[in-house]
Amino acid sequence: MAFSLNGVVRLLRGTPAHPVGPDGRMALGDHLRELRARLIRAALFLVLTFAVSLFFYDQLLELVLGPYNHARVALDQKTQTTAYVAGATGPLMLQLKLCGVAAIVVSSPYWLYQIWGFIVPGLHAHERKWSRIFAAVAGPLFFAGVATGYYVLPKGLEVLIGFTPAQLESLVEFGEYFSFLTRMLLVFGISFEIPLFVIMLSLAGVVTGKQIGRYRPWIVLGTFVFAAVATPSTDPFSMLMLAIPMLVLFLLAEVIARFIDRARGRGTESTDQWSDDEVSPL
């Protein structure tokens, strides 16, 4: 199937909506064609972003190596460390992998919009409203978590590399380092989304603010355990920098959930006001 330049531009801009039947529904074949068109648009935009990122390879490499270079400076000659690329194809794979990840991140608003555009016609009006709020809050929270992870990463690398004996030199293979950095940033980014899911569960009526407050000590303990297990580095600084913002967000989620309870009258009408060992008047 051949694409002209104008055709690609029209495809990226979007195609007209498929016709719907008298009952307001779209046929299964139209759904599949809609999905195919959106996937093609997302793939084309991803390829375009990847091609552009190749021109910014040096800047991307400097950005990725930033935490390692800061950790090496902080060690102040206490431990000799060097980053290297293994294998004859290592430099090429390094460039492709780095630019590929950058393309996925940079193009994420577009391909997430394509997913949103495919799902939203099947939602009710109130579901669309809450999903828009979720999309508006989830993005900044994720990037805030990624920024926090990038900020604490040099300290974690300093602690890990600092375990190297004085008689030895630490050789950091870039592929392993890049995987470590990616996992670290993803853990921080996804962890910052957890309190948002708690609020969404409260809006759905699954949990209440009173229930969250009742289990607050266990939430605090579970957050510290999760932070200790989830962070790829083993230093307490990274654990605290993940746990403390999560606890603040959980506290904010509890406050919002209590406001939701009050707005819906759960505080006086729901049976959740009685603990497990109390008998309801009903």
Protein backbone atom coordinates (compact mmCIF):
# COMPACT_ATOMS: atom_id res chain seq x y z
CA MET A 1 0.00 0.00 0.00
CA ALA A 2 1.62 3.24 -1.13
CA PHE A 3 1.28 6.52 0.75
CA SER A 4 1.73 9.95 -0.79
CA LEU A 5 3.04 12.81 1.33
CA ASN A 6 -0.38 14.49 1.33
CA GLY A 7 -1.99 11.22 2.27
CA VAL A 8 0.34 10.79 5.24
CA VAL A 9 -0.41 14.34 6.40
CA ARG A 10 -4.15 13.71 6.14
CA LEU A 11 -3.74 10.44 8.00
CA LEU A 12 -1.82 12.09 10.87
CA ARG A 13 -4.45 14.81 11.15
CA GLY A 14 -7.18 12.22 11.47
CA THR A 15 -9.89 10.70 9.32
CA PRO A 16 -13.56 11.55 9.42
CA ALA A 17 -15.67 9.52 11.82
CA HIS A 18 -17.15 6.34 10.41
CA PRO A 19 -20.90 6.37 9.78
CA VAL A 20 -23.12 5.09 12.56
CA GLY A 21 -26.34 3.23 12.30
CA PRO A 22 -29.83 4.45 13.24
CA ASP A 23 -29.30 3.19 16.80
CA GLY A 24 -26.20 5.38 17.19
CA ARG A 25 -23.81 2.41 17.13
CA MET A 26 -20.92 1.63 14.83
CA ALA A 27 -20.55 -1.70 13.06
CA LEU A 28 -17.77 -4.07 14.15
CA GLY A 29 -15.97 -3.68 10.83
CA ASP A 30 -16.01 0.10 11.21
CA HIS A 31 -14.58 -0.28 14.71
CA LEU A 32 -11.73 -2.38 13.36
CA ARG A 33 -11.04 0.08 10.53
CA GLU A 34 -11.06 2.92 13.05
CA LEU A 35 -8.57 1.02 15.22
CA ARG A 36 -6.34 0.27 12.23
CA ALA A 37 -6.32 3.93 11.14
CA ARG A 38 -5.40 5.13 14.61
CA LEU A 39 -2.64 2.53 14.96
CA ILE A 40 -1.18 3.57 11.60
CA ARG A 41 -1.24 7.23 12.63
CA ALA A 42 0.47 6.46 15.93
CA ALA A 43 3.10 4.30 14.20
CA LEU A 44 3.84 6.95 11.56
CA PHE A 45 4.19 9.66 14.19
CA LEU A 46 6.46 7.39 16.24
CA VAL A 47 8.71 6.76 13.22
CA LEU A 48 8.81 10.48 12.49
CA THR A 49 9.73 11.27 16.10
CA PHE A 50 12.43 8.59 16.04
CA ALA A 51 13.97 10.11 12.91
CA VAL A 52 14.02 13.56 14.53
CA SER A 53 15.53 12.19 17.76
CA LEU A 54 18.52 10.85 15.79
CA PHE A 55 19.59 14.46 15.21
CA PHE A 56 19.58 15.08 18.97
CA TYR A 57 21.49 11.94 19.92
CA ASP A 58 24.38 13.81 21.59
CA GLN A 59 22.02 15.84 23.77
CA LEU A 60 20.03 12.72 24.71
CA LEU A 61 23.21 10.86 25.61
CA GLU A 62 24.35 13.74 27.80
CA LEU A 63 20.95 13.79 29.52
CA VAL A 64 21.02 10.06 30.23
CA LEU A 65 24.62 10.10 31.45
CA GLY A 66 23.92 13.12 33.68
CA PRO A 67 23.12 11.14 36.87
CA TYR A 68 26.18 8.91 36.38
CA ASN A 69 28.49 11.89 35.82
CA HIS A 70 27.13 13.62 38.92
CA ALA A 71 27.71 10.46 40.95
CA ARG A 72 31.26 10.14 39.61
CA VAL A 73 32.03 13.75 40.59
CA ALA A 74 30.48 13.22 44.04
CA LEU A 75 32.74 10.21 44.64
CA ASP A 76 35.71 12.63 44.35
CA GLN A 77 38.34 10.06 43.32
CA LYS A 78 37.35 7.71 46.18
CA THR A 79 36.31 5.11 43.61
CA GLN A 80 37.53 4.88 40.03
CA THR A 81 34.63 4.29 37.65
CA THR A 82 34.28 4.26 33.88
CA ALA A 83 31.27 3.85 31.61
CA TYR A 84 31.78 1.71 28.52
CA VAL A 85 29.92 0.11 25.61
CA ALA A 86 30.36 -3.62 25.06
CA GLY A 87 30.63 -5.36 21.69
CA ALA A 88 31.20 -4.25 18.12
CA THR A 89 27.49 -3.51 17.60
CA GLY A 90 27.15 -1.86 21.00
CA PRO A 91 27.47 1.76 19.81
CA LEU A 92 24.83 1.24 17.11
CA MET A 93 22.41 -0.49 19.48
CA LEU A 94 23.06 2.25 22.02
CA GLN A 95 21.99 4.93 19.55
CA LEU A 96 18.92 3.00 18.36
CA LYS A 97 17.78 2.13 21.87
CA LEU A 98 18.28 5.64 23.24
CA CYS A 99 16.53 7.35 20.33
CA GLY A 100 13.76 4.74 20.38
CA VAL A 101 12.96 5.34 24.05
CA ALA A 102 13.11 9.10 23.48
CA ALA A 103 10.68 8.77 20.55
CA ILE A 104 8.22 6.75 22.64
CA VAL A 105 8.31 9.32 25.45
CA VAL A 106 8.11 12.40 23.21
CA SER A 107 5.32 10.98 21.04
CA SER A 108 3.33 9.68 24.02
CA PRO A 109 0.81 12.58 24.00
CA TYR A 110 -0.09 11.77 20.40
CA TRP A 111 -0.45 7.98 20.66
CA LEU A 112 -2.23 8.30 24.02
CA TYR A 113 -4.62 10.72 22.30
CA GLN A 114 -5.25 8.10 19.62
CA ILE A 115 -6.08 5.52 22.29
CA TRP A 116 -8.33 8.05 23.97
CA GLY A 117 -10.06 8.89 20.68
CA PHE A 118 -10.84 5.21 20.08
CA ILE A 119 -12.18 4.51 23.60
CA VAL A 120 -14.11 7.69 24.41
CA PRO A 121 -17.07 7.12 21.97
CA GLY A 122 -18.03 4.05 24.00
CA LEU A 123 -18.19 5.92 27.32
CA HIS A 124 -21.18 7.58 28.95
CA ALA A 125 -21.17 11.35 29.46
CA HIS A 126 -20.25 11.19 33.15
CA GLU A 127 -17.55 8.61 32.42
CA ARG A 128 -16.05 10.93 29.80
CA LYS A 129 -15.98 13.77 32.34
CA TRP A 130 -14.10 11.77 34.97
CA SER A 131 -11.78 10.22 32.39
CA ARG A 132 -10.83 13.73 31.18
CA ILE A 133 -10.02 14.74 34.75
CA PHE A 134 -7.99 11.55 35.17
CA ALA A 135 -6.04 12.21 31.95
CA ALA A 136 -5.39 15.83 32.98
CA VAL A 137 -3.98 14.83 36.37
CA ALA A 138 -2.25 11.55 35.52
CA GLY A 139 0.20 13.08 33.03
CA PRO A 140 1.67 15.76 35.34
CA LEU A 141 1.82 13.27 38.22
CA PHE A 142 3.75 10.77 36.13
CA PHE A 143 6.25 13.37 34.94
CA ALA A 144 6.62 14.66 38.52
CA GLY A 145 7.52 11.12 39.58
CA VAL A 146 10.01 10.77 36.71
CA ALA A 147 11.61 14.12 37.64
CA THR A 148 11.90 13.01 41.28
CA GLY A 149 13.52 9.74 40.21
CA TYR A 150 15.98 11.59 37.98
CA TYR A 151 16.84 13.90 40.90
CA VAL A 152 17.60 11.09 43.38
CA LEU A 153 19.32 8.78 40.89
CA PRO A 154 22.82 10.33 41.29
CA LYS A 155 22.71 9.67 45.04
CA GLY A 156 21.66 6.07 44.48
CA LEU A 157 24.46 5.53 41.94
CA GLU A 158 26.95 7.12 44.31
CA VAL A 159 26.00 4.65 47.05
CA LEU A 160 26.06 1.63 44.74
CA ILE A 161 29.37 2.49 43.06
CA GLY A 162 30.83 3.40 46.46
CA PHE A 163 30.75 -0.29 47.44
CA THR A 164 33.61 -0.93 44.98
CA PRO A 165 36.80 -1.91 46.87
CA ALA A 166 39.68 0.55 46.67
CA GLN A 167 41.83 -2.01 44.83
CA LEU A 168 39.29 -2.32 42.00
CA GLU A 169 37.77 -0.05 39.36
CA SER A 170 34.04 0.04 38.70
CA LEU A 171 33.20 -0.54 35.02
CA VAL A 172 29.62 0.47 34.23
CA GLU A 173 28.27 -1.09 31.03
CA PHE A 174 25.95 1.45 29.39
CA GLY A 175 23.26 -1.07 28.41
CA GLU A 176 22.82 -2.21 32.01
CA TYR A 177 23.00 1.37 33.25
CA PHE A 178 20.33 2.49 30.77
CA SER A 179 18.03 -0.36 31.85
CA PHE A 180 18.62 0.57 35.50
CA LEU A 181 17.82 4.22 34.80
CA THR A 182 14.67 3.33 32.86
CA ARG A 183 13.37 1.05 35.62
CA MET A 184 14.12 3.67 38.25
CA LEU A 185 12.24 6.42 36.41
CA LEU A 186 9.29 4.15 35.58
CA VAL A 187 8.98 3.03 39.20
CA PHE A 188 8.87 6.62 40.41
CA GLY A 189 6.47 7.72 37.66
CA ILE A 190 3.99 4.86 38.15
CA SER A 191 4.17 5.07 41.95
CA PHE A 192 3.00 8.67 41.86
CA GLU A 193 -0.14 7.47 40.05
CA ILE A 194 -1.26 5.09 42.83
CA PRO A 195 -3.00 7.76 44.99
CA LEU A 196 -4.85 8.93 41.88
CA PHE A 197 -6.23 5.43 41.42
CA VAL A 198 -7.38 5.55 45.06
CA ILE A 199 -9.37 8.70 44.28
CA MET A 200 -10.87 7.06 41.19
CA LEU A 201 -11.92 4.07 43.33
CA SER A 202 -13.55 6.49 45.74
CA LEU A 203 -15.43 8.15 42.88
CA ALA A 204 -16.56 4.71 41.75
CA GLY A 205 -17.83 3.94 45.27
CA VAL A 206 -15.38 1.08 45.88
CA VAL A 207 -13.61 2.69 48.86
CA THR A 208 -14.46 5.57 51.18
CA GLY A 209 -12.37 8.17 52.95
CA LYS A 210 -13.30 6.62 56.30
CA GLN A 211 -11.95 3.26 55.17
CA ILE A 212 -8.71 4.86 54.00
CA GLY A 213 -8.32 6.61 57.37
CA ARG A 214 -9.02 3.37 59.23
CA TYR A 215 -6.18 1.60 57.45
CA ARG A 216 -3.82 4.59 57.42
CA PRO A 217 -1.12 2.95 59.63
CA TRP A 218 -1.03 -0.06 57.32
CA ILE A 219 -0.88 2.24 54.29
CA VAL A 220 2.15 4.02 55.78
CA LEU A 221 3.88 0.72 56.52
CA GLY A 222 3.01 -0.70 53.10
CA THR A 223 4.29 2.43 51.37
CA PHE A 224 7.71 2.15 53.00
CA VAL A 225 7.88 -1.57 52.21
CA PHE A 226 6.85 -0.91 48.60
CA ALA A 227 9.44 1.88 48.28
CA ALA A 228 12.17 -0.37 49.67
CA VAL A 229 11.32 -3.19 47.25
CA ALA A 230 10.47 -1.13 44.18
CA THR A 231 13.53 1.13 43.99
CA PRO A 232 16.28 -0.63 42.00
CA SER A 233 18.93 1.04 44.14
CA THR A 234 19.28 -0.12 47.75
CA ASP A 235 20.08 3.20 49.41
CA PRO A 236 17.68 4.63 52.02
CA PHE A 237 17.78 8.07 50.37
CA SER A 238 16.03 6.82 47.24
CA MET A 239 13.53 4.89 49.34
CA LEU A 240 12.62 7.98 51.37
CA MET A 241 12.39 10.18 48.27
CA LEU A 242 9.83 7.73 46.87
CA ALA A 243 7.94 6.98 50.09
CA ILE A 244 7.51 10.54 51.41
CA PRO A 245 5.86 12.02 48.27
CA MET A 246 3.65 8.93 48.02
CA LEU A 247 2.52 9.38 51.63
CA VAL A 248 1.74 13.05 50.98
CA LEU A 249 -0.28 12.07 47.91
CA PHE A 250 -2.07 9.35 49.89
CA LEU A 251 -2.98 11.90 52.58
CA LEU A 252 -4.29 14.22 49.88
CA ALA A 253 -6.24 11.31 48.37
CA GLU A 254 -7.83 10.59 51.76
CA VAL A 255 -8.87 14.24 52.16
CA ILE A 256 -10.41 14.27 48.68
CA ALA A 257 -12.15 10.95 49.34
CA ARG A 258 -13.69 12.36 52.52
CA PHE A 259 -14.94 15.37 50.58
CA ILE A 260 -16.46 12.96 48.05
CA ASP A 261 -18.11 11.04 50.90
CA ARG A 262 -19.54 14.24 52.33
CA ALA A 263 -20.84 15.35 48.94
CA ARG A 264 -22.59 12.02 48.45
CA GLY A 265 -23.87 11.79 52.00
CA ARG A 266 -21.93 8.63 52.79
CA GLY A 267 -20.92 9.92 56.21
CA THR A 268 -24.46 9.64 57.58
CA GLU A 269 -26.22 7.18 55.28
CA SER A 270 -23.56 4.56 54.57
CA THR A 271 -23.11 1.49 56.76
CA ASP A 272 -19.33 2.14 56.49
CA GLN A 273 -19.64 4.40 59.55
CA TRP A 274 -19.73 1.31 61.77
CA SER A 275 -16.62 -0.77 62.36
CA ASP A 276 -16.49 -4.51 61.79
CA ASP A 277 -17.33 -5.37 65.43
CA GLU A 278 -20.34 -3.00 65.67
CA VAL A 279 -23.95 -3.86 64.82
CA SER A 280 -25.86 -1.60 62.47
CA PRO A 281 -29.35 -0.47 63.59
CA LEU A 282 -30.62 -2.19 60.46
